[in-house]
Amino acid sequence: MALYSEVVMDHFRHPRNVGVIEDADGVGEVGNAKCGDIMKIYLKIEDGVIVDVKFETFGCGSAIASSSMATEMIKGKPLADALTLTNKAVAEALDGLPAHKLHCSVLAEEAIKAAIKDYYDRHGIAYDSAQFPDCGSCEHCHV
C-alpha cells in the first residue's frame, strides 16, 4: 500500500493557490518547531467572503498538499464557514495522511484561523477569542 494517496500526490505535485496576495486583507503564519514546517496563508475578503486565497509553505509534501487542499476548501466561502474547517476535514479531503504527518493538516487549519484573526484585528471586528486558540498551548506543538 502506498504511503500517500493519489490526492495527496496530486496536490503536492500540482499545488493550487500558491503565491502571495500583496494587498491581503488577512495574513496568518504558523509553524511547527519540531518538524520545521512553516505555512503562510493570505486572504482577500469581500463582504465577509474569501474571494481569493494564496499560500506559501516551507515543508514536506504533506504540508504542501495540506495547504493546497485547505485553500481550495475555503475559497469562495464566508468567513464563518472557513472558521469551521478542521484538520480532520483537510486530511479526509486528501484521502488520508499518515499518522506522523497529521500535524500538517493541523498547521493548515491554524494558518487559516490566524489569517482570519488577523483580518478581524485589522478591521476592528469583534470575535470570540475561543475561536482562536493560542498555538503555543495546543497539544500537537508539545508532542
N, C-alpha and C. Protein backbone atom coordinates (compact mmCIF):
# COMPACT_ATOMS: atom_id res chain seq x y z
N MET A 1 0.85 -1.19 0.00
CA MET A 1 0.00 0.00 0.00
C MET A 1 0.89 1.25 0.00
N ALA A 2 0.50 2.23 -0.78
CA ALA A 2 1.27 3.47 -0.87
C ALA A 2 1.13 4.28 0.41
N LEU A 3 2.20 4.99 0.75
CA LEU A 3 2.20 5.82 1.94
C LEU A 3 1.26 7.01 1.78
N TYR A 4 1.18 7.56 0.56
CA TYR A 4 0.36 8.74 0.28
C TYR A 4 -0.70 8.43 -0.77
N SER A 5 -1.87 9.01 -0.60
CA SER A 5 -2.95 8.82 -1.56
C SER A 5 -2.64 9.58 -2.86
N GLU A 6 -3.37 9.22 -3.90
CA GLU A 6 -3.23 9.93 -5.18
C GLU A 6 -3.61 11.41 -5.03
N VAL A 7 -4.56 11.70 -4.17
CA VAL A 7 -4.98 13.09 -3.96
C VAL A 7 -3.84 13.89 -3.32
N VAL A 8 -3.19 13.31 -2.31
CA VAL A 8 -2.05 13.98 -1.69
C VAL A 8 -0.97 14.23 -2.74
N MET A 9 -0.66 13.22 -3.52
CA MET A 9 0.39 13.35 -4.52
C MET A 9 0.04 14.40 -5.57
N ASP A 10 -1.23 14.46 -5.96
CA ASP A 10 -1.66 15.47 -6.93
C ASP A 10 -1.50 16.88 -6.37
N HIS A 11 -1.92 17.09 -5.13
CA HIS A 11 -1.80 18.43 -4.52
C HIS A 11 -0.34 18.78 -4.21
N PHE A 12 0.50 17.79 -4.00
CA PHE A 12 1.93 18.04 -3.82
C PHE A 12 2.58 18.40 -5.15
N ARG A 13 2.29 17.63 -6.18
CA ARG A 13 2.90 17.87 -7.50
C ARG A 13 2.32 19.09 -8.21
N HIS A 14 1.05 19.36 -7.98
CA HIS A 14 0.35 20.46 -8.66
C HIS A 14 -0.43 21.29 -7.64
N PRO A 15 0.27 21.93 -6.72
CA PRO A 15 -0.45 22.68 -5.68
C PRO A 15 -1.28 23.82 -6.25
N ARG A 16 -2.43 24.01 -5.66
CA ARG A 16 -3.34 25.08 -6.06
C ARG A 16 -3.11 26.28 -5.15
N ASN A 17 -3.30 27.47 -5.69
CA ASN A 17 -3.31 28.72 -4.91
C ASN A 17 -1.96 29.07 -4.28
N VAL A 18 -0.87 28.70 -4.92
CA VAL A 18 0.46 29.05 -4.42
C VAL A 18 0.73 30.52 -4.74
N GLY A 19 1.32 31.23 -3.80
CA GLY A 19 1.73 32.60 -4.06
C GLY A 19 1.42 33.53 -2.92
N VAL A 20 1.48 34.81 -3.25
CA VAL A 20 1.30 35.88 -2.28
C VAL A 20 0.20 36.81 -2.78
N ILE A 21 -0.62 37.31 -1.87
CA ILE A 21 -1.55 38.39 -2.19
C ILE A 21 -0.95 39.63 -1.56
N GLU A 22 -0.42 40.52 -2.38
CA GLU A 22 0.31 41.69 -1.88
C GLU A 22 -0.55 42.58 -0.99
N ASP A 23 -1.82 42.76 -1.34
CA ASP A 23 -2.71 43.63 -0.56
C ASP A 23 -3.72 42.79 0.22
N ALA A 24 -3.23 41.71 0.80
CA ALA A 24 -4.10 40.78 1.53
C ALA A 24 -4.84 41.49 2.66
N ASP A 25 -6.05 41.05 2.89
CA ASP A 25 -6.86 41.58 3.99
C ASP A 25 -6.53 40.88 5.31
N GLY A 26 -5.99 39.68 5.22
CA GLY A 26 -5.59 38.93 6.40
C GLY A 26 -4.45 37.99 6.05
N VAL A 27 -3.49 37.89 6.94
CA VAL A 27 -2.34 37.01 6.74
C VAL A 27 -2.12 36.22 8.03
N GLY A 28 -1.95 34.92 7.87
CA GLY A 28 -1.67 34.06 9.01
C GLY A 28 -0.44 33.22 8.76
N GLU A 29 0.47 33.21 9.71
CA GLU A 29 1.67 32.39 9.59
C GLU A 29 1.82 31.55 10.84
N VAL A 30 2.00 30.26 10.63
CA VAL A 30 2.19 29.32 11.73
C VAL A 30 3.33 28.37 11.38
N GLY A 31 3.89 27.77 12.41
CA GLY A 31 4.96 26.82 12.19
C GLY A 31 5.01 25.79 13.29
N ASN A 32 5.70 24.72 13.00
CA ASN A 32 5.90 23.66 13.96
C ASN A 32 7.40 23.50 14.14
N ALA A 33 7.90 23.90 15.29
CA ALA A 33 9.34 23.88 15.55
C ALA A 33 9.91 22.47 15.49
N LYS A 34 9.10 21.48 15.84
CA LYS A 34 9.59 20.10 15.87
C LYS A 34 9.92 19.58 14.47
N CYS A 35 9.08 19.88 13.50
CA CYS A 35 9.31 19.35 12.15
C CYS A 35 9.87 20.40 11.20
N GLY A 36 9.76 21.68 11.56
CA GLY A 36 10.30 22.74 10.72
C GLY A 36 9.35 23.28 9.67
N ASP A 37 8.13 22.77 9.59
CA ASP A 37 7.16 23.26 8.61
C ASP A 37 6.69 24.66 8.97
N ILE A 38 6.55 25.50 7.94
CA ILE A 38 6.02 26.86 8.12
C ILE A 38 4.98 27.09 7.03
N MET A 39 3.80 27.58 7.43
CA MET A 39 2.74 27.90 6.47
C MET A 39 2.33 29.35 6.64
N LYS A 40 2.12 29.99 5.50
CA LYS A 40 1.63 31.36 5.49
C LYS A 40 0.44 31.42 4.54
N ILE A 41 -0.69 31.89 5.04
CA ILE A 41 -1.93 31.99 4.27
C ILE A 41 -2.29 33.45 4.10
N TYR A 42 -2.65 33.83 2.87
CA TYR A 42 -3.07 35.19 2.54
C TYR A 42 -4.54 35.15 2.11
N LEU A 43 -5.35 36.06 2.65
CA LEU A 43 -6.77 36.10 2.32
C LEU A 43 -7.15 37.45 1.70
N LYS A 44 -7.98 37.40 0.68
CA LYS A 44 -8.64 38.58 0.12
C LYS A 44 -10.12 38.38 0.41
N ILE A 45 -10.70 39.34 1.12
CA ILE A 45 -12.06 39.18 1.61
C ILE A 45 -12.93 40.33 1.12
N GLU A 46 -14.10 40.00 0.61
CA GLU A 46 -15.09 41.00 0.19
C GLU A 46 -16.44 40.60 0.77
N ASP A 47 -17.06 41.53 1.48
CA ASP A 47 -18.38 41.30 2.07
C ASP A 47 -18.43 40.01 2.89
N GLY A 48 -17.35 39.75 3.64
CA GLY A 48 -17.31 38.59 4.52
C GLY A 48 -17.06 37.27 3.82
N VAL A 49 -16.69 37.32 2.53
CA VAL A 49 -16.45 36.10 1.75
C VAL A 49 -15.00 36.08 1.29
N ILE A 50 -14.38 34.93 1.36
CA ILE A 50 -12.99 34.77 0.89
C ILE A 50 -13.03 34.66 -0.63
N VAL A 51 -12.65 35.74 -1.30
CA VAL A 51 -12.69 35.76 -2.76
C VAL A 51 -11.38 35.28 -3.38
N ASP A 52 -10.30 35.33 -2.61
CA ASP A 52 -9.03 34.79 -3.07
C ASP A 52 -8.22 34.35 -1.87
N VAL A 53 -7.43 33.33 -2.07
CA VAL A 53 -6.57 32.79 -1.01
C VAL A 53 -5.31 32.24 -1.67
N LYS A 54 -4.19 32.54 -1.07
CA LYS A 54 -2.89 32.04 -1.56
C LYS A 54 -2.11 31.52 -0.36
N PHE A 55 -1.11 30.68 -0.65
CA PHE A 55 -0.28 30.19 0.44
C PHE A 55 1.17 30.09 0.00
N GLU A 56 2.03 30.16 1.00
CA GLU A 56 3.44 29.84 0.87
C GLU A 56 3.73 28.84 1.98
N THR A 57 4.31 27.72 1.62
CA THR A 57 4.62 26.70 2.62
C THR A 57 6.05 26.22 2.44
N PHE A 58 6.76 26.21 3.54
CA PHE A 58 8.09 25.61 3.60
C PHE A 58 7.92 24.34 4.39
N GLY A 59 8.02 23.22 3.71
CA GLY A 59 7.83 21.97 4.42
C GLY A 59 7.77 20.78 3.49
N CYS A 60 7.36 19.68 4.04
CA CYS A 60 7.31 18.41 3.32
C CYS A 60 6.13 18.36 2.36
N GLY A 61 6.04 17.27 1.62
CA GLY A 61 4.95 17.10 0.67
C GLY A 61 3.58 17.13 1.32
N SER A 62 3.46 16.56 2.52
CA SER A 62 2.18 16.58 3.23
C SER A 62 1.78 17.99 3.62
N ALA A 63 2.75 18.82 3.98
CA ALA A 63 2.47 20.21 4.34
C ALA A 63 2.00 20.98 3.12
N ILE A 64 2.64 20.77 2.00
CA ILE A 64 2.25 21.46 0.76
C ILE A 64 0.86 21.00 0.33
N ALA A 65 0.62 19.69 0.36
CA ALA A 65 -0.69 19.16 -0.03
C ALA A 65 -1.79 19.67 0.91
N SER A 66 -1.50 19.71 2.20
CA SER A 66 -2.49 20.20 3.18
C SER A 66 -2.82 21.67 2.93
N SER A 67 -1.80 22.48 2.66
CA SER A 67 -2.02 23.90 2.37
C SER A 67 -2.87 24.06 1.11
N SER A 68 -2.52 23.32 0.08
CA SER A 68 -3.23 23.39 -1.19
C SER A 68 -4.70 23.00 -1.02
N MET A 69 -4.94 21.87 -0.37
CA MET A 69 -6.31 21.39 -0.18
C MET A 69 -7.11 22.36 0.69
N ALA A 70 -6.51 22.83 1.77
CA ALA A 70 -7.23 23.74 2.67
C ALA A 70 -7.64 25.03 1.95
N THR A 71 -6.75 25.56 1.12
CA THR A 71 -7.11 26.79 0.40
C THR A 71 -8.25 26.53 -0.58
N GLU A 72 -8.23 25.37 -1.21
CA GLU A 72 -9.33 25.02 -2.12
C GLU A 72 -10.65 24.92 -1.36
N MET A 73 -10.59 24.42 -0.14
CA MET A 73 -11.80 24.19 0.65
C MET A 73 -12.43 25.47 1.17
N ILE A 74 -11.65 26.55 1.31
CA ILE A 74 -12.21 27.80 1.85
C ILE A 74 -12.45 28.87 0.79
N LYS A 75 -11.90 28.72 -0.38
CA LYS A 75 -12.06 29.73 -1.43
C LYS A 75 -13.53 29.85 -1.80
N GLY A 76 -14.02 31.10 -1.78
CA GLY A 76 -15.42 31.36 -2.10
C GLY A 76 -16.37 31.18 -0.93
N LYS A 77 -15.85 30.85 0.23
CA LYS A 77 -16.69 30.60 1.41
C LYS A 77 -16.76 31.82 2.32
N PRO A 78 -17.88 31.98 3.02
CA PRO A 78 -17.96 33.02 4.05
C PRO A 78 -16.95 32.72 5.17
N LEU A 79 -16.50 33.76 5.84
CA LEU A 79 -15.53 33.59 6.92
C LEU A 79 -16.04 32.61 7.98
N ALA A 80 -17.32 32.70 8.31
CA ALA A 80 -17.87 31.80 9.32
C ALA A 80 -17.70 30.34 8.92
N ASP A 81 -17.85 30.03 7.64
CA ASP A 81 -17.66 28.66 7.17
C ASP A 81 -16.18 28.27 7.23
N ALA A 82 -15.31 29.19 6.82
CA ALA A 82 -13.87 28.91 6.83
C ALA A 82 -13.39 28.63 8.24
N LEU A 83 -13.98 29.30 9.21
CA LEU A 83 -13.57 29.08 10.61
C LEU A 83 -13.94 27.69 11.12
N THR A 84 -14.86 27.02 10.46
CA THR A 84 -15.26 25.69 10.89
C THR A 84 -14.41 24.59 10.26
N LEU A 85 -13.53 24.95 9.33
CA LEU A 85 -12.68 23.95 8.70
C LEU A 85 -11.76 23.33 9.74
N THR A 86 -11.73 22.01 9.77
CA THR A 86 -10.90 21.30 10.74
C THR A 86 -9.76 20.57 10.03
N ASN A 87 -8.74 20.26 10.81
CA ASN A 87 -7.65 19.48 10.24
C ASN A 87 -8.15 18.11 9.79
N LYS A 88 -9.13 17.57 10.50
CA LYS A 88 -9.69 16.27 10.12
C LYS A 88 -10.33 16.35 8.74
N ALA A 89 -11.06 17.44 8.47
CA ALA A 89 -11.69 17.61 7.16
C ALA A 89 -10.65 17.72 6.06
N VAL A 90 -9.55 18.43 6.34
CA VAL A 90 -8.47 18.56 5.36
C VAL A 90 -7.86 17.19 5.08
N ALA A 91 -7.55 16.44 6.13
CA ALA A 91 -6.96 15.11 5.96
C ALA A 91 -7.90 14.18 5.21
N GLU A 92 -9.19 14.24 5.52
CA GLU A 92 -10.17 13.40 4.83
C GLU A 92 -10.26 13.77 3.35
N ALA A 93 -10.23 15.07 3.05
CA ALA A 93 -10.30 15.52 1.65
C ALA A 93 -9.08 15.05 0.87
N LEU A 94 -7.98 14.84 1.56
CA LEU A 94 -6.76 14.34 0.92
C LEU A 94 -6.74 12.81 0.86
N ASP A 95 -7.83 12.18 1.22
CA ASP A 95 -7.93 10.72 1.32
C ASP A 95 -6.93 10.17 2.32
N GLY A 96 -6.71 10.94 3.39
CA GLY A 96 -5.89 10.49 4.50
C GLY A 96 -4.44 10.94 4.41
N LEU A 97 -3.84 11.01 5.59
CA LEU A 97 -2.41 11.29 5.74
C LEU A 97 -1.86 10.26 6.71
N PRO A 98 -0.59 9.90 6.56
CA PRO A 98 0.00 9.01 7.57
C PRO A 98 -0.07 9.67 8.95
N ALA A 99 -0.21 8.87 9.98
CA ALA A 99 -0.38 9.40 11.34
C ALA A 99 0.72 10.40 11.70
N HIS A 100 1.93 10.13 11.31
CA HIS A 100 3.04 11.03 11.66
C HIS A 100 3.06 12.31 10.83
N LYS A 101 2.10 12.44 9.90
CA LYS A 101 2.00 13.66 9.08
C LYS A 101 0.70 14.43 9.33
N LEU A 102 -0.11 13.97 10.27
CA LEU A 102 -1.36 14.67 10.55
C LEU A 102 -1.13 16.09 11.04
N HIS A 103 0.02 16.37 11.65
CA HIS A 103 0.31 17.73 12.11
C HIS A 103 0.30 18.73 10.95
N CYS A 104 0.51 18.26 9.72
CA CYS A 104 0.48 19.16 8.56
C CYS A 104 -0.93 19.70 8.33
N SER A 105 -1.92 18.85 8.50
CA SER A 105 -3.30 19.32 8.35
C SER A 105 -3.68 20.24 9.51
N VAL A 106 -3.11 20.01 10.68
CA VAL A 106 -3.35 20.90 11.83
C VAL A 106 -2.78 22.29 11.52
N LEU A 107 -1.59 22.33 10.94
CA LEU A 107 -0.99 23.63 10.60
C LEU A 107 -1.86 24.38 9.59
N ALA A 108 -2.44 23.67 8.63
CA ALA A 108 -3.31 24.32 7.64
C ALA A 108 -4.52 24.96 8.33
N GLU A 109 -5.14 24.22 9.22
CA GLU A 109 -6.28 24.77 9.98
C GLU A 109 -5.84 26.00 10.77
N GLU A 110 -4.71 25.90 11.46
CA GLU A 110 -4.24 27.01 12.29
C GLU A 110 -3.86 28.24 11.46
N ALA A 111 -3.27 28.03 10.29
CA ALA A 111 -2.88 29.15 9.44
C ALA A 111 -4.10 29.91 8.94
N ILE A 112 -5.14 29.17 8.59
CA ILE A 112 -6.38 29.82 8.14
C ILE A 112 -7.00 30.61 9.28
N LYS A 113 -7.06 30.03 10.45
CA LYS A 113 -7.61 30.75 11.60
C LYS A 113 -6.77 31.98 11.94
N ALA A 114 -5.46 31.86 11.84
CA ALA A 114 -4.59 33.01 12.11
C ALA A 114 -4.82 34.13 11.10
N ALA A 115 -5.05 33.77 9.84
CA ALA A 115 -5.31 34.79 8.81
C ALA A 115 -6.65 35.47 9.06
N ILE A 116 -7.65 34.72 9.44
CA ILE A 116 -8.97 35.30 9.74
C ILE A 116 -8.87 36.20 10.97
N LYS A 117 -8.16 35.76 11.98
CA LYS A 117 -7.97 36.58 13.18
C LYS A 117 -7.25 37.88 12.82
N ASP A 118 -6.25 37.79 11.97
CA ASP A 118 -5.53 38.99 11.52
C ASP A 118 -6.49 39.95 10.81
N TYR A 119 -7.37 39.41 9.98
CA TYR A 119 -8.38 40.23 9.29
C TYR A 119 -9.28 40.92 10.31
N TYR A 120 -9.77 40.16 11.27
CA TYR A 120 -10.62 40.74 12.31
C TYR A 120 -9.89 41.84 13.08
N ASP A 121 -8.64 41.57 13.46
CA ASP A 121 -7.85 42.55 14.20
C ASP A 121 -7.62 43.83 13.39
N ARG A 122 -7.28 43.68 12.13
CA ARG A 122 -7.02 44.84 11.26
C ARG A 122 -8.24 45.72 11.08
N HIS A 123 -9.41 45.10 11.07
CA HIS A 123 -10.66 45.82 10.81
C HIS A 123 -11.48 46.10 12.05
N GLY A 124 -10.92 45.81 13.22
CA GLY A 124 -11.63 46.09 14.47
C GLY A 124 -12.91 45.31 14.62
N ILE A 125 -12.95 44.11 14.08
CA ILE A 125 -14.14 43.28 14.16
C ILE A 125 -14.06 42.42 15.42
N ALA A 126 -15.08 42.51 16.25
CA ALA A 126 -15.10 41.74 17.49
C ALA A 126 -15.26 40.25 17.19
N TYR A 127 -14.64 39.42 18.01
CA TYR A 127 -14.73 37.97 17.85
C TYR A 127 -14.55 37.30 19.19
N ASP A 128 -14.95 36.05 19.22
CA ASP A 128 -14.79 35.22 20.41
C ASP A 128 -13.37 34.65 20.38
N SER A 129 -12.54 35.02 21.33
CA SER A 129 -11.14 34.58 21.32
C SER A 129 -11.02 33.06 21.44
N ALA A 130 -12.06 32.38 21.90
CA ALA A 130 -12.03 30.91 21.99
C ALA A 130 -11.95 30.27 20.61
N GLN A 131 -12.34 31.03 19.56
CA GLN A 131 -12.25 30.51 18.19
C GLN A 131 -10.80 30.45 17.72
N PHE A 132 -9.90 31.13 18.43
CA PHE A 132 -8.51 31.25 18.00
C PHE A 132 -7.58 30.85 19.14
N PRO A 133 -7.46 29.54 19.38
CA PRO A 133 -6.60 29.10 20.48
C PRO A 133 -5.15 29.50 20.24
N ASP A 134 -4.43 29.72 21.31
CA ASP A 134 -3.02 30.05 21.26
C ASP A 134 -2.25 28.82 20.79
N CYS A 135 -1.61 28.93 19.63
CA CYS A 135 -0.91 27.78 19.05
C CYS A 135 0.15 27.22 20.01
N GLY A 136 0.81 28.07 20.73
CA GLY A 136 1.86 27.60 21.63
C GLY A 136 1.35 26.68 22.71
N SER A 137 0.04 26.71 22.96
CA SER A 137 -0.51 25.87 24.01
C SER A 137 -1.24 24.65 23.47
N CYS A 138 -1.29 24.51 22.16
CA CYS A 138 -2.03 23.39 21.62
C CYS A 138 -1.23 22.09 21.75
N GLU A 139 -1.95 20.99 21.78
CA GLU A 139 -1.36 19.70 22.06
C GLU A 139 -0.30 19.28 21.05
N HIS A 140 -0.54 19.49 19.76
CA HIS A 140 0.39 18.96 18.78
C HIS A 140 1.76 19.64 18.82
N CYS A 141 1.83 20.86 19.36
CA CYS A 141 3.11 21.55 19.45
C CYS A 141 4.00 20.94 20.53
N HIS A 142 3.41 20.17 21.42
CA HIS A 142 4.15 19.62 22.54
C HIS A 142 4.34 18.12 22.45
N VAL A 143 4.02 17.54 21.30
CA VAL A 143 4.16 16.09 21.12
C VAL A 143 5.61 15.72 20.95
